[in-house]
Amino acid sequence: MSTDLLIVGGGPAGLMAGLLFARAGASVRVVEKHPDFLHDFRGDTVHPSTMEVLAGLGLLDRFLQRPHQRLQRAELRIGGRDMVVGDLSRVRSRTPFIAMMPQWEFLDFLRAEASRYPDFRLDMATPVAAYLQEDGRIAGVRLANGEEVRATLTIAADGRHSLVRRHELLPVKDLGSPIDVFWFELPKRTAEAGTLRIAVDRGRILVRVDRGSYWQCALVFAKGGANDLKARGIGAIRSEIEAIEPRLGSIAGDLVELDQLHLLEVSLDRLKRWHRPGLLAIGDAAHAMSPMGGIGINLAIQDAVAAANLLAEPLAKGENVDRLLQRVQRRREGSTKLIQLVQKITQDWVLAPVLRRNQLLSKPPLPLLVLERFPALRRIPGRAIALGIRRERVEPLVAKAA
């Protein structure tokens, strides 16, 4: 089997890249190891920057028909005070909100739109065993079933545990992270919507994301502390959550066993080089992000757009695009480094000290007091999260749908 483009990984980056390259006339095959998209606690935050990409493709209206909730504000309870720390309502975008959409809905949407192109193919339950190397370049992959798939270009979009990392095909720089997260769900008992709620107290951070009928919750704790927390039992964890966020009331009937807690071991790293002849890494495969701000999925989409803008038409024409791969990294690396720097500073200077203090905070940190004193400043973090840095725009092409 051979194709112009082989994409390893059917997540947001992989399927968006598949859609865009097929749109340009390239033959595309995406291989995904899972049999379906139904995985909980994956990136569900679709930001205005991503919706602008969908608008550029003429797909925004159809996207917004999928089930989702809309977030416009982030509120923080710390030191006995409630504060607004982010506001998207004034972001200059046709969609000034974050669309909270289950990732399986978003992926199914991208799959459906990409399948309109005759040269797009998605194979589920198709794990990759190894990359094929010939004459110093990547020539495709060998699947777990023994089949070899050859491609002019292979894109690694298989996440932070990418095969290119595990097989050391590209070098990684680890920036370190002092936090880990337990994800879980709690039912909503009040009719509130459109707000992200964060509570900080006694060495713990609890984040609640509105998902309509329930809260998607994240309990943030110091890295490596998962086993110690679990050893204390679900009752102790439940008591801590109730102490951090009294507005939840009793959750005794809602959080009843440890299996409801899903561990995310937070990573912050990036590849030193995103490419080698025949191979390009994008999304989490190229740069693992902290879950702060939910920006990982949106950076992955921006990578896919940049790659398609630079590579899709030459690849569809049968050209060797190896010399162009470094341009994708140059285009996307600067904004990735800057965002990771902000995440690193926030983790090390704000989150880690809070998690080390097992006592009630008497007052909010100074930066938060400044946000409270000058409400207009709340638009800055809102805009940065909503639109990111160096937004990519889809270049106009003549679509070749079936």
Protein backbone atom coordinates (compact mmCIF):
# COMPACT_ATOMS: atom_id res chain seq x y z
CA MET A 1 0.00 0.00 0.00
CA SER A 2 1.23 3.52 -0.73
CA THR A 3 -0.11 7.02 -0.27
CA ASP A 4 1.04 10.63 -0.52
CA LEU A 5 0.51 11.23 3.20
CA LEU A 6 0.32 8.74 6.05
CA ILE A 7 -0.81 10.12 9.42
CA VAL A 8 -0.14 8.12 12.56
CA GLY A 9 -2.82 9.06 15.10
CA GLY A 10 -6.46 9.97 14.60
CA GLY A 11 -6.71 12.73 17.21
CA PRO A 12 -7.45 16.42 16.58
CA ALA A 13 -4.09 17.15 14.90
CA GLY A 14 -4.16 14.01 12.76
CA LEU A 15 -7.73 14.34 11.53
CA MET A 16 -7.46 18.07 10.88
CA ALA A 17 -4.26 17.48 8.90
CA GLY A 18 -5.96 14.66 7.02
CA LEU A 19 -8.89 16.92 6.13
CA LEU A 20 -6.66 19.76 4.95
CA PHE A 21 -4.26 17.63 2.89
CA ALA A 22 -7.13 15.72 1.26
CA ARG A 23 -8.77 19.07 0.51
CA ALA A 24 -5.63 20.03 -1.44
CA GLY A 25 -5.82 16.87 -3.54
CA ALA A 26 -3.29 14.64 -1.76
CA SER A 27 -4.07 11.00 -1.06
CA VAL A 28 -4.28 10.58 2.72
CA ARG A 29 -4.41 7.57 5.00
CA VAL A 30 -4.86 7.97 8.77
CA VAL A 31 -4.18 5.02 11.08
CA GLU A 32 -5.51 5.10 14.64
CA LYS A 33 -4.76 2.40 17.22
CA HIS A 34 -8.05 2.69 19.12
CA PRO A 35 -11.23 1.07 17.75
CA ASP A 36 -13.33 4.19 18.40
CA PHE A 37 -13.16 7.80 19.63
CA LEU A 38 -14.99 7.13 22.92
CA HIS A 39 -12.35 8.09 25.48
CA ASP A 40 -13.11 10.18 28.55
CA PHE A 41 -11.11 13.15 29.82
CA ARG A 42 -9.41 14.00 26.55
CA GLY A 43 -9.05 17.60 25.39
CA ASP A 44 -12.58 18.94 25.04
CA THR A 45 -11.87 22.68 24.85
CA VAL A 46 -12.35 24.05 21.34
CA HIS A 47 -11.15 27.66 21.44
CA PRO A 48 -12.05 30.58 19.15
CA SER A 49 -8.73 30.11 17.31
CA THR A 50 -9.86 26.63 16.23
CA MET A 51 -13.35 27.81 15.38
CA GLU A 52 -11.81 30.52 13.17
CA VAL A 53 -10.07 27.72 11.26
CA LEU A 54 -13.40 25.92 10.86
CA ALA A 55 -15.01 29.16 9.71
CA GLY A 56 -12.28 29.54 7.08
CA LEU A 57 -13.25 26.09 5.79
CA GLY A 58 -16.95 26.95 5.78
CA LEU A 59 -17.61 24.35 8.51
CA LEU A 60 -18.36 26.47 11.57
CA ASP A 61 -22.15 26.31 11.38
CA ARG A 62 -22.12 22.53 11.06
CA PHE A 63 -19.63 22.26 13.92
CA LEU A 64 -21.81 24.34 16.25
CA GLN A 65 -24.73 21.99 15.57
CA ARG A 66 -22.86 19.32 17.52
CA PRO A 67 -23.58 19.07 21.29
CA HIS A 68 -21.49 21.54 23.27
CA GLN A 69 -21.50 24.06 26.12
CA ARG A 70 -20.09 27.59 25.92
CA LEU A 71 -17.64 29.05 28.43
CA GLN A 72 -16.95 32.77 28.64
CA ARG A 73 -15.66 33.36 32.17
CA ALA A 74 -13.17 31.90 34.61
CA GLU A 75 -13.82 32.53 38.30
CA LEU A 76 -11.41 31.81 41.15
CA ARG A 77 -12.10 31.37 44.86
CA ILE A 78 -8.92 31.91 46.88
CA GLY A 79 -8.12 33.40 50.26
CA GLY A 80 -11.81 33.62 51.06
CA ARG A 81 -12.56 35.78 48.01
CA ASP A 82 -14.31 35.20 44.68
CA MET A 83 -12.56 36.76 41.69
CA VAL A 84 -13.03 36.86 37.92
CA VAL A 85 -9.66 35.97 36.36
CA GLY A 86 -10.64 35.54 32.71
CA ASP A 87 -13.28 37.06 30.43
CA LEU A 88 -13.81 36.07 26.79
CA SER A 89 -16.96 38.09 26.22
CA ARG A 90 -15.05 40.93 24.55
CA VAL A 91 -12.71 38.81 22.45
CA ARG A 92 -12.86 39.97 18.83
CA SER A 93 -14.07 36.78 17.24
CA ARG A 94 -17.29 35.56 15.69
CA THR A 95 -17.25 32.96 18.50
CA PRO A 96 -16.19 34.76 21.72
CA PHE A 97 -16.42 31.62 23.84
CA ILE A 98 -14.81 28.24 24.38
CA ALA A 99 -16.90 25.39 23.00
CA MET A 100 -16.83 22.50 25.46
CA MET A 101 -17.44 19.57 23.15
CA PRO A 102 -16.71 15.91 23.96
CA GLN A 103 -13.63 15.03 21.98
CA TRP A 104 -15.38 12.07 20.36
CA GLU A 105 -17.94 14.52 18.92
CA PHE A 106 -15.19 16.79 17.57
CA LEU A 107 -13.25 13.87 16.09
CA ASP A 108 -16.36 12.38 14.53
CA PHE A 109 -17.10 15.79 13.02
CA LEU A 110 -13.60 16.02 11.49
CA ARG A 111 -13.87 12.42 10.25
CA ALA A 112 -17.20 13.14 8.57
CA GLU A 113 -15.92 16.29 6.87
CA ALA A 114 -12.66 14.67 5.74
CA SER A 115 -14.57 11.67 4.35
CA ARG A 116 -16.19 13.98 1.80
CA TYR A 117 -12.89 13.80 -0.10
CA PRO A 118 -12.40 10.62 -2.15
CA ASP A 119 -8.68 10.25 -1.36
CA PHE A 120 -9.12 10.32 2.44
CA ARG A 121 -9.06 7.05 4.35
CA LEU A 122 -9.26 6.42 8.11
CA ASP A 123 -8.41 3.01 9.56
CA MET A 124 -9.41 2.47 13.20
CA ALA A 125 -8.01 -0.31 15.42
CA THR A 126 -4.80 -0.14 13.35
CA PRO A 127 -1.75 0.20 15.62
CA VAL A 128 1.70 0.90 14.20
CA ALA A 129 4.58 -1.39 15.14
CA ALA A 130 7.52 0.51 13.64
CA TYR A 131 8.61 3.12 11.14
CA LEU A 132 10.18 2.01 7.86
CA GLN A 133 13.58 3.54 7.20
CA GLU A 134 15.20 3.44 3.79
CA ASP A 135 18.31 5.28 2.64
CA GLY A 136 18.26 7.58 5.67
CA ARG A 137 14.62 8.64 5.42
CA ILE A 138 11.29 7.50 6.80
CA ALA A 139 9.40 5.67 4.06
CA GLY A 140 6.23 4.76 5.94
CA VAL A 141 5.29 2.31 8.69
CA ARG A 142 4.86 -1.36 9.43
CA LEU A 143 1.51 -2.01 11.09
CA ALA A 144 1.06 -4.45 13.96
CA ASN A 145 -0.64 -6.88 11.55
CA GLY A 146 2.52 -6.96 9.42
CA GLU A 147 1.23 -4.77 6.58
CA GLU A 148 3.65 -2.15 5.27
CA VAL A 149 2.26 1.24 4.31
CA ARG A 150 4.58 3.44 2.28
CA ALA A 151 4.18 7.18 2.02
CA THR A 152 5.92 10.16 0.50
CA LEU A 153 5.44 11.90 3.86
CA THR A 154 4.53 10.50 7.27
CA ILE A 155 3.10 12.76 9.99
CA ALA A 156 3.34 11.64 13.61
CA ALA A 157 0.24 12.91 15.41
CA ASP A 158 -0.07 10.18 18.03
CA GLY A 159 0.26 12.25 21.19
CA ARG A 160 2.74 12.66 24.01
CA HIS A 161 3.53 8.92 24.00
CA SER A 162 4.25 9.01 20.28
CA LEU A 163 6.16 6.19 18.63
CA VAL A 164 8.74 8.73 17.43
CA ARG A 165 9.51 9.48 21.08
CA ARG A 166 9.49 5.88 22.29
CA HIS A 167 11.78 4.77 19.45
CA GLU A 168 13.98 7.89 19.87
CA LEU A 169 13.58 8.94 16.26
CA LEU A 170 13.56 12.60 17.31
CA PRO A 171 15.22 14.19 20.38
CA VAL A 172 13.09 15.48 23.29
CA LYS A 173 13.67 18.36 25.71
CA ASP A 174 11.89 17.84 29.06
CA LEU A 175 10.88 21.11 30.77
CA GLY A 176 9.48 19.37 33.86
CA SER A 177 6.16 19.78 35.64
CA PRO A 178 5.47 19.90 39.41
CA ILE A 179 1.82 18.83 39.15
CA ASP A 180 -0.40 15.88 38.36
CA VAL A 181 -4.19 15.76 38.06
CA PHE A 182 -7.08 13.48 38.93
CA TRP A 183 -10.02 13.89 36.52
CA PHE A 184 -13.52 12.92 37.63
CA GLU A 185 -17.18 13.90 37.22
CA LEU A 186 -19.68 15.33 39.70
CA PRO A 187 -23.36 16.10 39.06
CA LYS A 188 -24.52 19.70 38.85
CA ARG A 189 -27.16 20.71 41.36
CA THR A 190 -27.49 24.38 40.44
CA ALA A 191 -28.55 26.03 37.20
CA GLU A 192 -25.27 27.79 36.44
CA ALA A 193 -23.59 27.78 33.06
CA GLY A 194 -20.85 29.38 31.02
CA THR A 195 -18.25 29.57 33.78
CA LEU A 196 -15.04 27.77 34.67
CA ARG A 197 -14.69 27.60 38.46
CA ILE A 198 -11.38 27.26 40.30
CA ALA A 199 -11.03 26.85 44.06
CA VAL A 200 -7.70 27.02 45.89
CA ASP A 201 -7.26 26.04 49.53
CA ARG A 202 -5.08 24.00 51.91
CA GLY A 203 -2.52 22.81 49.37
CA ARG A 204 -5.05 21.70 46.77
CA ILE A 205 -6.59 23.15 43.61
CA LEU A 206 -9.99 22.07 42.30
CA VAL A 207 -11.13 23.04 38.79
CA ARG A 208 -14.75 22.58 37.66
CA VAL A 209 -15.70 22.78 34.00
CA ASP A 210 -19.38 23.16 33.10
CA ARG A 211 -20.50 20.19 30.98
CA GLY A 212 -24.23 20.85 31.03
CA SER A 213 -25.65 18.27 33.41
CA TYR A 214 -22.38 17.63 35.28
CA TRP A 215 -19.07 19.15 36.30
CA GLN A 216 -15.87 17.83 34.75
CA CYS A 217 -13.50 18.21 37.69
CA ALA A 218 -9.74 18.29 38.05
CA LEU A 219 -8.06 17.87 41.42
CA VAL A 220 -4.53 19.25 41.08
CA PHE A 221 -1.82 17.99 43.44
CA ALA A 222 1.97 17.81 43.67
CA LYS A 223 3.62 15.50 41.13
CA GLY A 224 4.01 11.94 42.28
CA GLY A 225 1.34 12.25 44.97
CA ALA A 226 -1.31 10.05 43.32
CA ASN A 227 -0.48 6.85 45.20
CA ASP A 228 -0.32 8.63 48.55
CA LEU A 229 -3.70 10.23 47.92
CA LYS A 230 -5.28 6.93 46.91
CA ALA A 231 -3.75 5.18 49.92
CA ARG A 232 -5.74 7.51 52.16
CA GLY A 233 -8.95 6.23 50.64
CA ILE A 234 -11.86 7.72 48.75
CA GLY A 235 -13.43 9.07 51.94
CA ALA A 236 -10.42 11.24 52.72
CA ILE A 237 -10.22 12.50 49.14
CA ARG A 238 -13.92 13.30 49.20
CA SER A 239 -13.53 15.26 52.45
CA GLU A 240 -10.69 17.29 50.93
CA ILE A 241 -12.79 18.17 47.89
CA GLU A 242 -15.72 19.24 50.10
CA ALA A 243 -13.36 21.41 52.17
CA ILE A 244 -11.84 23.05 49.10
CA GLU A 245 -15.22 23.77 47.51
CA PRO A 246 -18.04 23.98 50.11
CA ARG A 247 -20.49 25.08 47.39
CA LEU A 248 -20.60 21.47 46.18
CA GLY A 249 -22.22 20.34 49.44
CA SER A 250 -21.97 16.65 50.30
CA ILE A 251 -20.62 14.45 47.48
CA ALA A 252 -20.78 11.23 49.52
CA GLY A 253 -23.16 9.64 47.05
CA ASP A 254 -21.35 10.92 43.97
CA LEU A 255 -17.69 10.04 44.50
CA VAL A 256 -17.74 6.56 45.97
CA GLU A 257 -14.75 4.63 44.62
CA LEU A 258 -11.16 5.22 43.56
CA ASP A 259 -11.85 3.94 40.04
CA GLN A 260 -13.76 7.19 39.38
CA LEU A 261 -10.44 9.07 39.56
CA HIS A 262 -8.51 9.16 36.26
CA LEU A 263 -4.85 10.11 36.62
CA LEU A 264 -3.18 12.54 34.23
CA GLU A 265 0.57 12.63 34.74
CA VAL A 266 1.26 16.14 33.49
CA SER A 267 4.15 16.60 31.07
CA LEU A 268 5.70 19.73 29.66
CA ASP A 269 8.21 19.05 26.92
CA ARG A 270 8.92 19.48 23.23
CA LEU A 271 10.97 17.90 20.50
CA LYS A 272 14.25 19.65 19.78
CA ARG A 273 13.70 18.77 16.14
CA TRP A 274 10.22 18.09 14.79
CA HIS A 275 11.30 16.45 11.54
CA ARG A 276 13.66 14.24 9.64
CA PRO A 277 13.52 13.23 5.99
CA GLY A 278 10.10 11.77 5.31
CA LEU A 279 8.74 12.48 8.81
CA LEU A 280 7.09 15.42 10.60
CA ALA A 281 5.71 15.50 14.17
CA ILE A 282 2.86 17.82 15.13
CA GLY A 283 0.55 18.37 18.10
CA ASP A 284 1.33 16.61 21.38
CA ALA A 285 3.78 14.37 19.55
CA ALA A 286 5.89 17.49 18.97
CA HIS A 287 5.10 19.35 22.21
CA ALA A 288 3.32 18.05 25.30
CA MET A 289 1.48 20.87 27.06
CA SER A 290 0.18 21.35 30.58
CA PRO A 291 -3.64 21.12 30.81
CA MET A 292 -3.72 24.76 32.06
CA GLY A 293 -6.01 26.76 29.81
CA GLY A 294 -6.94 23.71 27.74
CA ILE A 295 -4.75 24.96 24.92
CA GLY A 296 -3.12 21.70 23.80
CA ILE A 297 -5.82 20.68 21.33
CA ASN A 298 -5.86 24.17 19.80
CA LEU A 299 -2.08 24.31 19.35
CA ALA A 300 -2.32 20.92 17.66
CA ILE A 301 -4.90 22.30 15.21
CA GLN A 302 -2.66 25.29 14.48
CA ASP A 303 0.23 22.90 13.73
CA ALA A 304 -1.97 20.98 11.29
CA VAL A 305 -3.00 24.17 9.48
CA ALA A 306 0.60 25.39 9.21
CA ALA A 307 1.73 22.01 7.87
CA ALA A 308 -1.03 21.95 5.27
CA ASN A 309 -0.41 25.54 4.18
CA LEU A 310 3.25 24.78 3.56
CA LEU A 311 3.20 21.18 2.37
CA ALA A 312 -0.20 20.10 1.01
CA GLU A 313 -0.09 21.48 -2.52
CA PRO A 314 3.54 20.47 -3.23
CA LEU A 315 2.81 16.99 -1.87
CA ALA A 316 -0.34 16.67 -4.01
CA LYS A 317 1.77 17.59 -7.06
CA GLY A 318 4.19 14.76 -6.31
CA GLU A 319 7.05 16.95 -5.12
CA ASN A 320 9.60 15.93 -2.49
CA VAL A 321 8.72 18.06 0.54
CA ASP A 322 11.64 17.07 2.80
CA ARG A 323 13.28 20.46 2.35
CA LEU A 324 10.08 22.19 3.49
CA LEU A 325 9.65 20.32 6.79
CA GLN A 326 11.95 22.64 8.72
CA ARG A 327 9.71 25.56 7.69
CA VAL A 328 6.81 24.04 9.61
CA GLN A 329 8.91 23.87 12.77
CA ARG A 330 10.19 27.42 12.28
CA ARG A 331 6.62 28.63 11.78
CA ARG A 332 5.21 26.97 14.93
CA GLU A 333 8.14 26.64 17.32
CA GLY A 334 8.32 30.26 18.52
CA SER A 335 4.72 30.43 19.73
CA THR A 336 5.03 26.95 21.26
CA LYS A 337 8.12 27.98 23.24
CA LEU A 338 6.46 31.17 24.47
CA ILE A 339 3.31 29.39 25.63
CA GLN A 340 5.35 26.69 27.34
CA LEU A 341 7.41 29.38 29.07
CA VAL A 342 4.22 30.95 30.46
CA GLN A 343 3.00 27.53 31.58
CA LYS A 344 6.37 26.75 33.18
CA ILE A 345 6.41 30.04 35.11
CA THR A 346 2.80 29.57 36.24
CA GLN A 347 3.44 25.99 37.36
CA ASP A 348 6.70 26.69 39.17
CA TRP A 349 5.97 30.11 40.66
CA VAL A 350 2.22 29.92 41.35
CA LEU A 351 0.88 26.38 41.44
CA ALA A 352 3.81 24.60 43.11
CA PRO A 353 4.01 27.07 46.07
CA VAL A 354 0.23 26.82 46.57
CA LEU A 355 0.40 23.02 46.60
CA ARG A 356 3.19 23.10 49.20
CA ARG A 357 1.09 25.14 51.66
CA ASN A 358 -1.18 22.86 53.64
CA GLN A 359 -3.03 25.74 55.27
CA LEU A 360 -5.76 28.25 54.57
CA LEU A 361 -4.57 31.13 52.37
CA SER A 362 -5.12 34.48 54.03
CA LYS A 363 -5.26 36.48 50.79
CA PRO A 364 -4.84 36.04 47.04
CA PRO A 365 -1.40 36.47 45.43
CA LEU A 366 -0.54 39.97 44.18
CA PRO A 367 -1.14 39.31 40.44
CA LEU A 368 -4.70 38.25 41.23
CA LEU A 369 -5.28 41.35 43.35
CA VAL A 370 -4.17 43.46 40.37
CA LEU A 371 -6.72 41.68 38.14
CA GLU A 372 -9.40 42.39 40.72
CA ARG A 373 -8.44 46.06 40.96
CA PHE A 374 -8.36 46.60 37.19
CA PRO A 375 -11.17 44.57 35.55
CA ALA A 376 -10.07 45.46 32.02
CA LEU A 377 -6.92 43.39 32.56
CA ARG A 378 -9.03 40.24 32.75
CA ARG A 379 -9.40 40.43 28.98
CA ILE A 380 -5.67 39.79 28.51
CA PRO A 381 -5.57 36.17 29.76
CA GLY A 382 -8.95 35.62 28.12
CA ARG A 383 -7.70 36.80 24.74
CA ALA A 384 -4.42 34.87 25.05
CA ILE A 385 -6.26 31.63 25.80
CA ALA A 386 -8.97 32.23 23.18
CA LEU A 387 -6.82 33.24 20.22
CA GLY A 388 -3.35 32.07 21.13
CA ILE A 389 -0.18 33.44 19.55
CA ARG A 390 0.46 33.59 15.80
CA ARG A 391 -2.86 32.26 14.64
CA GLU A 392 -2.87 30.22 11.45
CA ARG A 393 -5.41 30.84 8.71
CA VAL A 394 -6.37 28.27 6.12
CA GLU A 395 -5.10 29.22 2.70
CA PRO A 396 -7.80 29.26 0.01
CA LEU A 397 -7.93 26.21 -2.20
CA VAL A 398 -10.42 24.76 -4.64
CA ALA A 399 -12.09 21.98 -2.66
CA LYS A 400 -12.32 18.58 -4.36
CA ALA A 401 -15.15 16.93 -2.46
CA ALA A 402 -16.81 13.79 -3.70
